[in-house]
Amino acid sequence: MPAGRMAKRRVSEILRYRFEDGLGHKAISYRVGAAPSTVRETLRLAGTAGLADWTIERIGREASAIGPDAALLCQKILADRPHPEQWFRT
């Protein structure tokens, strides 16, 4: 029987450990309680979806391209919500 879907929070933790802390698959799997193959597949799917490219700097650049109000709102959201899983939804 296939495993159920992974919680959004766990996916966010995997991305944070990989791209902010620079950890490898085994270290990430130990910290989040998932198999290394699950971590590897999650990172592959995140790269395919383009999630790995969205850094704080890129979010700021994209918001600035929209306009000064969008950039200000983006800065406020990022300052008020330090957790990566809260960056993607408002």
PDB file of N, CA and C in Angstrom:
ATOM      1  N   MET A   1       0.842  -1.179   0.000  1.00  0.00           N
ATOM      2  CA  MET A   1       0.000   0.000   0.000  1.00  0.00           C
ATOM      3  C   MET A   1       0.885   1.239   0.000  1.00  0.00           C
ATOM      4  N   PRO A   2       0.635   2.196  -0.890  1.00  0.00           N
ATOM      5  CA  PRO A   2       1.481   3.385  -0.951  1.00  0.00           C
ATOM      6  C   PRO A   2       1.312   4.254   0.286  1.00  0.00           C
ATOM      7  N   ALA A   3       2.372   4.985   0.591  1.00  0.00           N
ATOM      8  CA  ALA A   3       2.336   5.891   1.736  1.00  0.00           C
ATOM      9  C   ALA A   3       1.425   7.073   1.443  1.00  0.00           C
ATOM     10  N   GLY A   4       0.899   7.681   2.507  1.00  0.00           N
ATOM     11  CA  GLY A   4       0.038   8.848   2.351  1.00  0.00           C
ATOM     12  C   GLY A   4       0.849  10.073   1.972  1.00  0.00           C
ATOM     13  N   ARG A   5       0.152  11.148   1.723  1.00  0.00           N
ATOM     14  CA  ARG A   5       0.806  12.402   1.350  1.00  0.00           C
ATOM     15  C   ARG A   5       1.570  12.975   2.530  1.00  0.00           C
ATOM     16  N   MET A   6       2.655  13.656   2.222  1.00  0.00           N
ATOM     17  CA  MET A   6       3.464  14.270   3.258  1.00  0.00           C
ATOM     18  C   MET A   6       2.870  15.629   3.632  1.00  0.00           C
ATOM     19  N   ALA A   7       2.916  15.941   4.913  1.00  0.00           N
ATOM     20  CA  ALA A   7       2.386  17.217   5.389  1.00  0.00           C
ATOM     21  C   ALA A   7       3.206  18.376   4.842  1.00  0.00           C
ATOM     22  N   LYS A   8       2.537  19.484   4.589  1.00  0.00           N
ATOM     23  CA  LYS A   8       3.199  20.677   4.055  1.00  0.00           C
ATOM     24  C   LYS A   8       4.331  21.135   4.976  1.00  0.00           C
ATOM     25  N   ARG A   9       4.122  21.014   6.271  1.00  0.00           N
ATOM     26  CA  ARG A   9       5.138  21.435   7.230  1.00  0.00           C
ATOM     27  C   ARG A   9       6.417  20.618   7.070  1.00  0.00           C
ATOM     28  N   ARG A  10       6.280  19.319   6.851  1.00  0.00           N
ATOM     29  CA  ARG A  10       7.459  18.471   6.684  1.00  0.00           C
ATOM     30  C   ARG A  10       8.201  18.822   5.397  1.00  0.00           C
ATOM     31  N   VAL A  11       7.459  19.099   4.332  1.00  0.00           N
ATOM     32  CA  VAL A  11       8.090  19.524   3.081  1.00  0.00           C
ATOM     33  C   VAL A  11       8.862  20.823   3.307  1.00  0.00           C
ATOM     34  N   SER A  12       8.267  21.758   4.025  1.00  0.00           N
ATOM     35  CA  SER A  12       8.932  23.032   4.322  1.00  0.00           C
ATOM     36  C   SER A  12      10.192  22.817   5.140  1.00  0.00           C
ATOM     37  N   GLU A  13      10.134  21.899   6.100  1.00  0.00           N
ATOM     38  CA  GLU A  13      11.315  21.595   6.914  1.00  0.00           C
ATOM     39  C   GLU A  13      12.425  21.009   6.050  1.00  0.00           C
ATOM     40  N   ILE A  14      12.081  20.107   5.137  1.00  0.00           N
ATOM     41  CA  ILE A  14      13.076  19.509   4.243  1.00  0.00           C
ATOM     42  C   ILE A  14      13.739  20.589   3.397  1.00  0.00           C
ATOM     43  N   LEU A  15      12.936  21.488   2.827  1.00  0.00           N
ATOM     44  CA  LEU A  15      13.504  22.556   2.001  1.00  0.00           C
ATOM     45  C   LEU A  15      14.383  23.488   2.825  1.00  0.00           C
ATOM     46  N   ARG A  16      13.953  23.807   4.032  1.00  0.00           N
ATOM     47  CA  ARG A  16      14.742  24.706   4.890  1.00  0.00           C
ATOM     48  C   ARG A  16      16.068  24.055   5.269  1.00  0.00           C
ATOM     49  N   TYR A  17      16.037  22.790   5.689  1.00  0.00           N
ATOM     50  CA  TYR A  17      17.278  22.112   6.074  1.00  0.00           C
ATOM     51  C   TYR A  17      18.243  22.022   4.892  1.00  0.00           C
ATOM     52  N   ARG A  18      17.712  21.829   3.707  1.00  0.00           N
ATOM     53  CA  ARG A  18      18.578  21.688   2.529  1.00  0.00           C
ATOM     54  C   ARG A  18      19.151  23.028   2.066  1.00  0.00           C
ATOM     55  N   PHE A  19      18.275  24.027   1.905  1.00  0.00           N
ATOM     56  CA  PHE A  19      18.712  25.258   1.258  1.00  0.00           C
ATOM     57  C   PHE A  19      19.180  26.340   2.222  1.00  0.00           C
ATOM     58  N   GLU A  20      18.758  26.322   3.466  1.00  0.00           N
ATOM     59  CA  GLU A  20      19.244  27.299   4.435  1.00  0.00           C
ATOM     60  C   GLU A  20      20.398  26.740   5.258  1.00  0.00           C
ATOM     61  N   ASP A  21      20.274  25.466   5.683  1.00  0.00           N
ATOM     62  CA  ASP A  21      21.304  24.870   6.523  1.00  0.00           C
ATOM     63  C   ASP A  21      22.322  24.057   5.731  1.00  0.00           C
ATOM     64  N   GLY A  22      21.989  23.711   4.482  1.00  0.00           N
ATOM     65  CA  GLY A  22      22.919  22.987   3.621  1.00  0.00           C
ATOM     66  C   GLY A  22      23.147  21.539   4.026  1.00  0.00           C
ATOM     67  N   LEU A  23      22.174  20.918   4.667  1.00  0.00           N
ATOM     68  CA  LEU A  23      22.331  19.532   5.118  1.00  0.00           C
ATOM     69  C   LEU A  23      22.132  18.547   3.976  1.00  0.00           C
ATOM     70  N   GLY A  24      22.686  17.364   4.150  1.00  0.00           N
ATOM     71  CA  GLY A  24      22.526  16.297   3.172  1.00  0.00           C
ATOM     72  C   GLY A  24      21.253  15.498   3.421  1.00  0.00           C
ATOM     73  N   HIS A  25      20.971  14.556   2.528  1.00  0.00           N
ATOM     74  CA  HIS A  25      19.742  13.778   2.602  1.00  0.00           C
ATOM     75  C   HIS A  25      19.620  12.983   3.894  1.00  0.00           C
ATOM     76  N   LYS A  26      20.708  12.334   4.321  1.00  0.00           N
ATOM     77  CA  LYS A  26      20.641  11.512   5.528  1.00  0.00           C
ATOM     78  C   LYS A  26      20.412  12.354   6.774  1.00  0.00           C
ATOM     79  N   ALA A  27      21.088  13.495   6.862  1.00  0.00           N
ATOM     80  CA  ALA A  27      20.910  14.374   8.022  1.00  0.00           C
ATOM     81  C   ALA A  27      19.489  14.932   8.054  1.00  0.00           C
ATOM     82  N   ILE A  28      18.965  15.283   6.889  1.00  0.00           N
ATOM     83  CA  ILE A  28      17.599  15.800   6.826  1.00  0.00           C
ATOM     84  C   ILE A  28      16.606  14.709   7.211  1.00  0.00           C
ATOM     85  N   SER A  29      16.807  13.515   6.693  1.00  0.00           N
ATOM     86  CA  SER A  29      15.871  12.431   6.983  1.00  0.00           C
ATOM     87  C   SER A  29      15.840  12.117   8.475  1.00  0.00           C
ATOM     88  N   TYR A  30      16.992  12.192   9.131  1.00  0.00           N
ATOM     89  CA  TYR A  30      17.049  11.956  10.567  1.00  0.00           C
ATOM     90  C   TYR A  30      16.265  13.030  11.320  1.00  0.00           C
ATOM     91  N   ARG A  31      16.405  14.272  10.907  1.00  0.00           N
ATOM     92  CA  ARG A  31      15.749  15.380  11.606  1.00  0.00           C
ATOM     93  C   ARG A  31      14.242  15.428  11.406  1.00  0.00           C
ATOM     94  N   VAL A  32      13.765  15.062  10.220  1.00  0.00           N
ATOM     95  CA  VAL A  32      12.321  15.144   9.963  1.00  0.00           C
ATOM     96  C   VAL A  32      11.611  13.810  10.138  1.00  0.00           C
ATOM     97  N   GLY A  33      12.357  12.732  10.331  1.00  0.00           N
ATOM     98  CA  GLY A  33      11.744  11.431  10.537  1.00  0.00           C
ATOM     99  C   GLY A  33      11.192  10.809   9.272  1.00  0.00           C
ATOM    100  N   ALA A  34      11.896  10.982   8.170  1.00  0.00           N
ATOM    101  CA  ALA A  34      11.483  10.395   6.896  1.00  0.00           C
ATOM    102  C   ALA A  34      12.665   9.623   6.311  1.00  0.00           C
ATOM    103  N   ALA A  35      12.392   8.718   5.411  1.00  0.00           N
ATOM    104  CA  ALA A  35      13.444   7.945   4.768  1.00  0.00           C
ATOM    105  C   ALA A  35      14.276   8.851   3.853  1.00  0.00           C
ATOM    106  N   PRO A  36      15.579   8.560   3.696  1.00  0.00           N
ATOM    107  CA  PRO A  36      16.406   9.362   2.781  1.00  0.00           C
ATOM    108  C   PRO A  36      15.851   9.399   1.356  1.00  0.00           C
ATOM    109  N   SER A  37      15.238   8.305   0.925  1.00  0.00           N
ATOM    110  CA  SER A  37      14.652   8.299  -0.423  1.00  0.00           C
ATOM    111  C   SER A  37      13.473   9.264  -0.511  1.00  0.00           C
ATOM    112  N   THR A  38      12.731   9.423   0.570  1.00  0.00           N
ATOM    113  CA  THR A  38      11.622  10.378   0.588  1.00  0.00           C
ATOM    114  C   THR A  38      12.148  11.802   0.503  1.00  0.00           C
ATOM    115  N   VAL A  39      13.227  12.072   1.231  1.00  0.00           N
ATOM    116  CA  VAL A  39      13.851  13.401   1.191  1.00  0.00           C
ATOM    117  C   VAL A  39      14.355  13.688  -0.214  1.00  0.00           C
ATOM    118  N   ARG A  40      15.026  12.717  -0.811  1.00  0.00           N
ATOM    119  CA  ARG A  40      15.561  12.878  -2.162  1.00  0.00           C
ATOM    120  C   ARG A  40      14.439  13.165  -3.168  1.00  0.00           C
ATOM    121  N   GLU A  41      13.341  12.414  -3.073  1.00  0.00           N
ATOM    122  CA  GLU A  41      12.219  12.610  -3.995  1.00  0.00           C
ATOM    123  C   GLU A  41      11.543  13.961  -3.763  1.00  0.00           C
ATOM    124  N   THR A  42      11.410  14.370  -2.507  1.00  0.00           N
ATOM    125  CA  THR A  42      10.814  15.672  -2.194  1.00  0.00           C
ATOM    126  C   THR A  42      11.650  16.801  -2.776  1.00  0.00           C
ATOM    127  N   LEU A  43      12.966  16.719  -2.643  1.00  0.00           N
ATOM    128  CA  LEU A  43      13.846  17.750  -3.189  1.00  0.00           C
ATOM    129  C   LEU A  43      13.809  17.759  -4.718  1.00  0.00           C
ATOM    130  N   ARG A  44      13.690  16.571  -5.309  1.00  0.00           N
ATOM    131  CA  ARG A  44      13.603  16.501  -6.774  1.00  0.00           C
ATOM    132  C   ARG A  44      12.318  17.170  -7.256  1.00  0.00           C
ATOM    133  N   LEU A  45      11.211  16.866  -6.592  1.00  0.00           N
ATOM    134  CA  LEU A  45       9.932  17.463  -6.983  1.00  0.00           C
ATOM    135  C   LEU A  45       9.908  18.973  -6.741  1.00  0.00           C
ATOM    136  N   ALA A  46      10.548  19.415  -5.662  1.00  0.00           N
ATOM    137  CA  ALA A  46      10.615  20.861  -5.388  1.00  0.00           C
ATOM    138  C   ALA A  46      11.411  21.579  -6.467  1.00  0.00           C
ATOM    139  N   GLY A  47      12.493  20.954  -6.912  1.00  0.00           N
ATOM    140  CA  GLY A  47      13.285  21.541  -7.993  1.00  0.00           C
ATOM    141  C   GLY A  47      12.514  21.596  -9.291  1.00  0.00           C
ATOM    142  N   THR A  48      11.759  20.536  -9.583  1.00  0.00           N
ATOM    143  CA  THR A  48      10.938  20.495 -10.790  1.00  0.00           C
ATOM    144  C   THR A  48       9.863  21.577 -10.751  1.00  0.00           C
ATOM    145  N   ALA A  49       9.299  21.807  -9.570  1.00  0.00           N
ATOM    146  CA  ALA A  49       8.241  22.815  -9.423  1.00  0.00           C
ATOM    147  C   ALA A  49       8.791  24.233  -9.346  1.00  0.00           C
ATOM    148  N   GLY A  50      10.108  24.383  -9.224  1.00  0.00           N
ATOM    149  CA  GLY A  50      10.718  25.699  -9.160  1.00  0.00           C
ATOM    150  C   GLY A  50      10.734  26.304  -7.769  1.00  0.00           C
ATOM    151  N   LEU A  51      10.403  25.530  -6.738  1.00  0.00           N
ATOM    152  CA  LEU A  51      10.396  26.061  -5.380  1.00  0.00           C
ATOM    153  C   LEU A  51      11.794  26.359  -4.855  1.00  0.00           C
ATOM    154  N   ALA A  52      12.772  25.644  -5.334  1.00  0.00           N
ATOM    155  CA  ALA A  52      14.126  25.827  -4.836  1.00  0.00           C
ATOM    156  C   ALA A  52      14.714  27.179  -5.237  1.00  0.00           C
ATOM    157  N   ASP A  53      14.145  27.812  -6.247  1.00  0.00           N
ATOM    158  CA  ASP A  53      14.670  29.080  -6.739  1.00  0.00           C
ATOM    159  C   ASP A  53      14.136  30.295  -5.981  1.00  0.00           C
ATOM    160  N   TRP A  54      13.153  30.109  -5.125  1.00  0.00           N
ATOM    161  CA  TRP A  54      12.517  31.239  -4.447  1.00  0.00           C
ATOM    162  C   TRP A  54      13.218  31.536  -3.129  1.00  0.00           C
ATOM    163  N   THR A  55      14.259  32.326  -3.194  1.00  0.00           N
ATOM    164  CA  THR A  55      14.949  32.789  -1.997  1.00  0.00           C
ATOM    165  C   THR A  55      14.297  34.079  -1.513  1.00  0.00           C
ATOM    166  N   ILE A  56      14.673  34.530  -0.339  1.00  0.00           N
ATOM    167  CA  ILE A  56      14.140  35.782   0.183  1.00  0.00           C
ATOM    168  C   ILE A  56      14.502  36.940  -0.751  1.00  0.00           C
ATOM    169  N   GLU A  57      15.709  36.903  -1.286  1.00  0.00           N
ATOM    170  CA  GLU A  57      16.140  37.961  -2.204  1.00  0.00           C
ATOM    171  C   GLU A  57      15.290  37.977  -3.471  1.00  0.00           C
ATOM    172  N   ARG A  58      14.993  36.796  -3.995  1.00  0.00           N
ATOM    173  CA  ARG A  58      14.178  36.742  -5.213  1.00  0.00           C
ATOM    174  C   ARG A  58      12.755  37.227  -4.940  1.00  0.00           C
ATOM    175  N   ILE A  59      12.217  36.863  -3.794  1.00  0.00           N
ATOM    176  CA  ILE A  59      10.879  37.337  -3.440  1.00  0.00           C
ATOM    177  C   ILE A  59      10.872  38.864  -3.404  1.00  0.00           C
ATOM    178  N   GLY A  60      11.914  39.450  -2.807  1.00  0.00           N
ATOM    179  CA  GLY A  60      12.016  40.913  -2.749  1.00  0.00           C
ATOM    180  C   GLY A  60      12.125  41.538  -4.127  1.00  0.00           C
ATOM    181  N   ARG A  61      12.922  40.936  -5.014  1.00  0.00           N
ATOM    182  CA  ARG A  61      13.072  41.459  -6.377  1.00  0.00           C
ATOM    183  C   ARG A  61      11.758  41.402  -7.145  1.00  0.00           C
ATOM    184  N   GLU A  62      11.069  40.265  -7.035  1.00  0.00           N
ATOM    185  CA  GLU A  62       9.797  40.123  -7.744  1.00  0.00           C
ATOM    186  C   GLU A  62       8.770  41.131  -7.227  1.00  0.00           C
ATOM    187  N   ALA A  63       8.742  41.336  -5.914  1.00  0.00           N
ATOM    188  CA  ALA A  63       7.796  42.298  -5.338  1.00  0.00           C
ATOM    189  C   ALA A  63       8.142  43.716  -5.770  1.00  0.00           C
ATOM    190  N   SER A  64       9.430  44.050  -5.828  1.00  0.00           N
ATOM    191  CA  SER A  64       9.850  45.381  -6.270  1.00  0.00           C
ATOM    192  C   SER A  64       9.484  45.631  -7.728  1.00  0.00           C
ATOM    193  N   ALA A  65       9.530  44.571  -8.534  1.00  0.00           N
ATOM    194  CA  ALA A  65       9.158  44.716  -9.948  1.00  0.00           C
ATOM    195  C   ALA A  65       7.668  45.027 -10.102  1.00  0.00           C
ATOM    196  N   ILE A  66       6.862  44.558  -9.163  1.00  0.00           N
ATOM    197  CA  ILE A  66       5.423  44.845  -9.220  1.00  0.00           C
ATOM    198  C   ILE A  66       5.168  46.294  -8.841  1.00  0.00           C
ATOM    199  N   GLY A  67       5.859  46.766  -7.796  1.00  0.00           N
ATOM    200  CA  GLY A  67       5.673  48.150  -7.376  1.00  0.00           C
ATOM    201  C   GLY A  67       6.126  48.356  -5.941  1.00  0.00           C
ATOM    202  N   PRO A  68       6.248  49.614  -5.526  1.00  0.00           N
ATOM    203  CA  PRO A  68       6.752  49.895  -4.181  1.00  0.00           C
ATOM    204  C   PRO A  68       5.829  49.402  -3.074  1.00  0.00           C
ATOM    205  N   ASP A  69       4.519  49.435  -3.294  1.00  0.00           N
ATOM    206  CA  ASP A  69       3.593  48.934  -2.274  1.00  0.00           C
ATOM    207  C   ASP A  69       3.731  47.423  -2.096  1.00  0.00           C
ATOM    208  N   ALA A  70       3.914  46.715  -3.188  1.00  0.00           N
ATOM    209  CA  ALA A  70       4.099  45.264  -3.114  1.00  0.00           C
ATOM    210  C   ALA A  70       5.399  44.930  -2.393  1.00  0.00           C
ATOM    211  N   ALA A  71       6.457  45.695  -2.670  1.00  0.00           N
ATOM    212  CA  ALA A  71       7.733  45.459  -1.994  1.00  0.00           C
ATOM    213  C   ALA A  71       7.615  45.705  -0.496  1.00  0.00           C
ATOM    214  N   LEU A  72       6.911  46.753  -0.118  1.00  0.00           N
ATOM    215  CA  LEU A  72       6.715  47.064   1.297  1.00  0.00           C
ATOM    216  C   LEU A  72       5.894  45.972   1.981  1.00  0.00           C
ATOM    217  N   LEU A  73       4.831  45.523   1.334  1.00  0.00           N
ATOM    218  CA  LEU A  73       4.018  44.448   1.889  1.00  0.00           C
ATOM    219  C   LEU A  73       4.836  43.172   2.047  1.00  0.00           C
ATOM    220  N   CYS A  74       5.627  42.852   1.059  1.00  0.00           N
ATOM    221  CA  CYS A  74       6.468  41.656   1.098  1.00  0.00           C
ATOM    222  C   CYS A  74       7.456  41.724   2.267  1.00  0.00           C
ATOM    223  N   GLN A  75       8.092  42.871   2.447  1.00  0.00           N
ATOM    224  CA  GLN A  75       9.027  43.034   3.566  1.00  0.00           C
ATOM    225  C   GLN A  75       8.322  42.845   4.892  1.00  0.00           C
ATOM    226  N   LYS A  76       7.111  43.377   5.009  1.00  0.00           N
ATOM    227  CA  LYS A  76       6.360  43.246   6.262  1.00  0.00           C
ATOM    228  C   LYS A  76       5.993  41.790   6.531  1.00  0.00           C
ATOM    229  N   ILE A  77       5.530  41.091   5.510  1.00  0.00           N
ATOM    230  CA  ILE A  77       5.157  39.681   5.681  1.00  0.00           C
ATOM    231  C   ILE A  77       6.370  38.852   6.085  1.00  0.00           C
ATOM    232  N   LEU A  78       7.501  39.057   5.415  1.00  0.00           N
ATOM    233  CA  LEU A  78       8.697  38.282   5.735  1.00  0.00           C
ATOM    234  C   LEU A  78       9.230  38.600   7.125  1.00  0.00           C
ATOM    235  N   ALA A  79       9.060  39.822   7.576  1.00  0.00           N
ATOM    236  CA  ALA A  79       9.513  40.190   8.919  1.00  0.00           C
ATOM    237  C   ALA A  79       8.591  39.603   9.991  1.00  0.00           C
ATOM    238  N   ASP A  80       7.284  39.556   9.700  1.00  0.00           N
ATOM    239  CA  ASP A  80       6.317  39.061  10.681  1.00  0.00           C
ATOM    240  C   ASP A  80       6.231  37.542  10.737  1.00  0.00           C
ATOM    241  N   ARG A  81       6.651  36.872   9.675  1.00  0.00           N
ATOM    242  CA  ARG A  81       6.514  35.415   9.595  1.00  0.00           C
ATOM    243  C   ARG A  81       7.868  34.783   9.296  1.00  0.00           C
ATOM    244  N   PRO A  82       8.637  34.505  10.315  1.00  0.00           N
ATOM    245  CA  PRO A  82       9.986  33.994  10.094  1.00  0.00           C
ATOM    246  C   PRO A  82      10.042  32.524   9.671  1.00  0.00           C
ATOM    247  N   HIS A  83       8.931  31.814   9.708  1.00  0.00           N
ATOM    248  CA  HIS A  83       8.952  30.396   9.393  1.00  0.00           C
ATOM    249  C   HIS A  83       8.737  30.174   7.908  1.00  0.00           C
ATOM    250  N   PRO A  84       9.579  29.345   7.260  1.00  0.00           N
ATOM    251  CA  PRO A  84       9.498  29.152   5.807  1.00  0.00           C
ATOM    252  C   PRO A  84       8.131  28.700   5.316  1.00  0.00           C
ATOM    253  N   GLU A  85       7.431  27.878   6.086  1.00  0.00           N
ATOM    254  CA  GLU A  85       6.143  27.391   5.600  1.00  0.00           C
ATOM    255  C   GLU A  85       5.104  28.492   5.533  1.00  0.00           C
ATOM    256  N   GLN A  86       5.354  29.635   6.147  1.00  0.00           N
ATOM    257  CA  GLN A  86       4.408  30.733   6.097  1.00  0.00           C
ATOM    258  C   GLN A  86       4.744  31.727   4.975  1.00  0.00           C
ATOM    259  N   TRP A  87       5.832  31.554   4.305  1.00  0.00           N
ATOM    260  CA  TRP A  87       6.206  32.471   3.223  1.00  0.00           C
ATOM    261  C   TRP A  87       5.341  32.272   1.993  1.00  0.00           C
ATOM    262  N   PHE A  88       4.884  31.041   1.769  1.00  0.00           N
ATOM    263  CA  PHE A  88       4.224  30.729   0.518  1.00  0.00           C
ATOM    264  C   PHE A  88       2.755  31.108   0.498  1.00  0.00           C
ATOM    265  N   ARG A  89       2.131  31.222   1.641  1.00  0.00           N
ATOM    266  CA  ARG A  89       0.707  31.554   1.711  1.00  0.00           C
ATOM    267  C   ARG A  89       0.523  32.755   2.615  1.00  0.00           C
ATOM    268  N   THR A  90      -0.408  33.597   2.269  1.00  0.00           N
ATOM    269  CA  THR A  90      -0.669  34.789   3.074  1.00  0.00           C
ATOM    270  C   THR A  90      -2.014  34.681   3.743  1.00  0.00           C
TER     271      THR A  90
END
